[in-house]
């Protein structure tokens, strides 16, 4: 298995994605929204 060094936002995104299933049905939409926000921040190059 390959190991990666992650910055704080990348690690946070992984944790939020891992918690999506546990958040269903209560809190799922909020967790999904948070994952999308973090992803957008990580991929915003402008």
N, C-alpha and C. Protein backbone atom coordinates (compact mmCIF):
# COMPACT_ATOMS: atom_id res chain seq x y z
N UNK A 1 0.84 -1.18 0.00
CA UNK A 1 0.00 0.00 0.00
C UNK A 1 0.89 1.24 0.00
N UNK A 2 0.53 2.18 -0.82
CA UNK A 2 1.29 3.42 -0.95
C UNK A 2 0.83 4.42 0.11
N UNK A 3 1.78 5.08 0.77
CA UNK A 3 1.46 6.10 1.78
C UNK A 3 1.57 7.47 1.15
N UNK A 4 0.67 8.36 1.56
CA UNK A 4 0.65 9.73 1.05
C UNK A 4 0.72 10.70 2.22
N UNK A 5 1.33 11.84 1.96
CA UNK A 5 1.29 12.93 2.92
C UNK A 5 0.13 13.83 2.52
N UNK A 6 -0.75 14.11 3.47
CA UNK A 6 -1.93 14.93 3.20
C UNK A 6 -1.84 16.24 3.96
N UNK A 7 -2.36 17.28 3.33
CA UNK A 7 -2.46 18.52 4.09
C UNK A 7 -3.76 18.46 4.89
N UNK A 8 -4.01 19.47 5.69
CA UNK A 8 -5.15 19.45 6.61
C UNK A 8 -6.49 19.34 5.89
N UNK A 9 -6.66 20.09 4.78
CA UNK A 9 -7.93 20.06 4.05
C UNK A 9 -8.17 18.71 3.40
N UNK A 10 -7.13 18.09 2.86
CA UNK A 10 -7.28 16.78 2.23
C UNK A 10 -7.70 15.74 3.27
N UNK A 11 -7.07 15.77 4.42
CA UNK A 11 -7.41 14.83 5.49
C UNK A 11 -8.84 15.06 5.97
N UNK A 12 -9.25 16.32 6.07
CA UNK A 12 -10.61 16.64 6.49
C UNK A 12 -11.62 16.11 5.48
N UNK A 13 -11.34 16.27 4.19
CA UNK A 13 -12.24 15.77 3.16
C UNK A 13 -12.40 14.26 3.26
N UNK A 14 -11.33 13.55 3.47
CA UNK A 14 -11.40 12.09 3.60
C UNK A 14 -12.26 11.70 4.81
N UNK A 15 -12.07 12.38 5.93
CA UNK A 15 -12.87 12.08 7.12
C UNK A 15 -14.35 12.35 6.89
N UNK A 16 -14.67 13.46 6.24
CA UNK A 16 -16.07 13.80 5.97
C UNK A 16 -16.69 12.75 5.06
N UNK A 17 -15.98 12.32 4.04
CA UNK A 17 -16.49 11.30 3.12
C UNK A 17 -16.71 9.98 3.87
N UNK A 18 -15.78 9.62 4.74
CA UNK A 18 -15.93 8.39 5.52
C UNK A 18 -17.15 8.45 6.44
N UNK A 19 -17.50 9.63 6.90
CA UNK A 19 -18.62 9.79 7.83
C UNK A 19 -19.97 9.91 7.13
N UNK A 20 -19.99 10.00 5.81
CA UNK A 20 -21.26 10.16 5.09
C UNK A 20 -22.24 9.03 5.39
N UNK A 21 -21.80 7.81 5.36
CA UNK A 21 -22.70 6.67 5.58
C UNK A 21 -23.26 6.69 7.00
N UNK A 22 -22.43 7.06 7.97
CA UNK A 22 -22.90 7.12 9.36
C UNK A 22 -23.91 8.25 9.57
N UNK A 23 -23.83 9.28 8.75
CA UNK A 23 -24.69 10.44 8.90
C UNK A 23 -26.07 10.22 8.31
N UNK A 24 -26.26 9.14 7.55
CA UNK A 24 -27.55 8.91 6.90
C UNK A 24 -28.55 8.36 7.90
N UNK A 25 -29.79 8.79 7.96
CA UNK A 25 -30.41 9.84 7.19
C UNK A 25 -30.26 11.22 7.83
N UNK A 26 -30.03 11.27 9.14
CA UNK A 26 -29.93 12.56 9.83
C UNK A 26 -28.53 13.12 9.69
N UNK A 27 -28.42 14.26 9.07
CA UNK A 27 -27.12 14.90 8.91
C UNK A 27 -26.43 14.59 7.60
N UNK A 28 -27.01 13.68 6.81
CA UNK A 28 -26.38 13.28 5.55
C UNK A 28 -26.22 14.47 4.60
N UNK A 29 -27.28 15.25 4.46
CA UNK A 29 -27.23 16.38 3.52
C UNK A 29 -26.17 17.39 3.94
N UNK A 30 -26.04 17.62 5.24
CA UNK A 30 -25.04 18.56 5.73
C UNK A 30 -23.63 18.04 5.49
N UNK A 31 -23.43 16.74 5.73
CA UNK A 31 -22.11 16.14 5.49
C UNK A 31 -21.75 16.18 4.02
N UNK A 32 -22.73 15.90 3.15
CA UNK A 32 -22.49 15.94 1.72
C UNK A 32 -22.15 17.35 1.28
N UNK A 33 -22.88 18.33 1.79
CA UNK A 33 -22.61 19.74 1.47
C UNK A 33 -21.18 20.11 1.91
N UNK A 34 -20.80 19.69 3.11
CA UNK A 34 -19.46 20.00 3.62
C UNK A 34 -18.39 19.36 2.73
N UNK A 35 -18.59 18.11 2.33
CA UNK A 35 -17.63 17.44 1.45
C UNK A 35 -17.50 18.19 0.13
N UNK A 36 -18.61 18.65 -0.40
CA UNK A 36 -18.57 19.40 -1.66
C UNK A 36 -17.84 20.73 -1.50
N UNK A 37 -18.04 21.39 -0.37
CA UNK A 37 -17.36 22.67 -0.12
C UNK A 37 -15.85 22.48 -0.02
N UNK A 38 -15.43 21.48 0.72
CA UNK A 38 -14.00 21.22 0.86
C UNK A 38 -13.39 20.84 -0.47
N UNK A 39 -14.09 19.97 -1.24
CA UNK A 39 -13.60 19.59 -2.56
C UNK A 39 -13.45 20.81 -3.45
N UNK A 40 -14.45 21.68 -3.44
CA UNK A 40 -14.39 22.89 -4.27
C UNK A 40 -13.20 23.77 -3.88
N UNK A 41 -12.93 23.89 -2.58
CA UNK A 41 -11.79 24.69 -2.13
C UNK A 41 -10.48 24.07 -2.62
N UNK A 42 -10.39 22.76 -2.56
CA UNK A 42 -9.16 22.08 -2.98
C UNK A 42 -8.93 22.17 -4.48
N UNK A 43 -10.00 22.29 -5.25
CA UNK A 43 -9.85 22.29 -6.70
C UNK A 43 -10.01 23.68 -7.32
N UNK A 44 -10.15 24.69 -6.50
CA UNK A 44 -10.28 26.07 -7.00
C UNK A 44 -8.89 26.63 -7.28
N UNK A 45 -8.58 26.81 -8.53
CA UNK A 45 -7.24 27.28 -8.91
C UNK A 45 -7.21 28.75 -9.26
N UNK A 46 -8.35 29.43 -9.22
CA UNK A 46 -8.40 30.84 -9.59
C UNK A 46 -8.33 31.73 -8.38
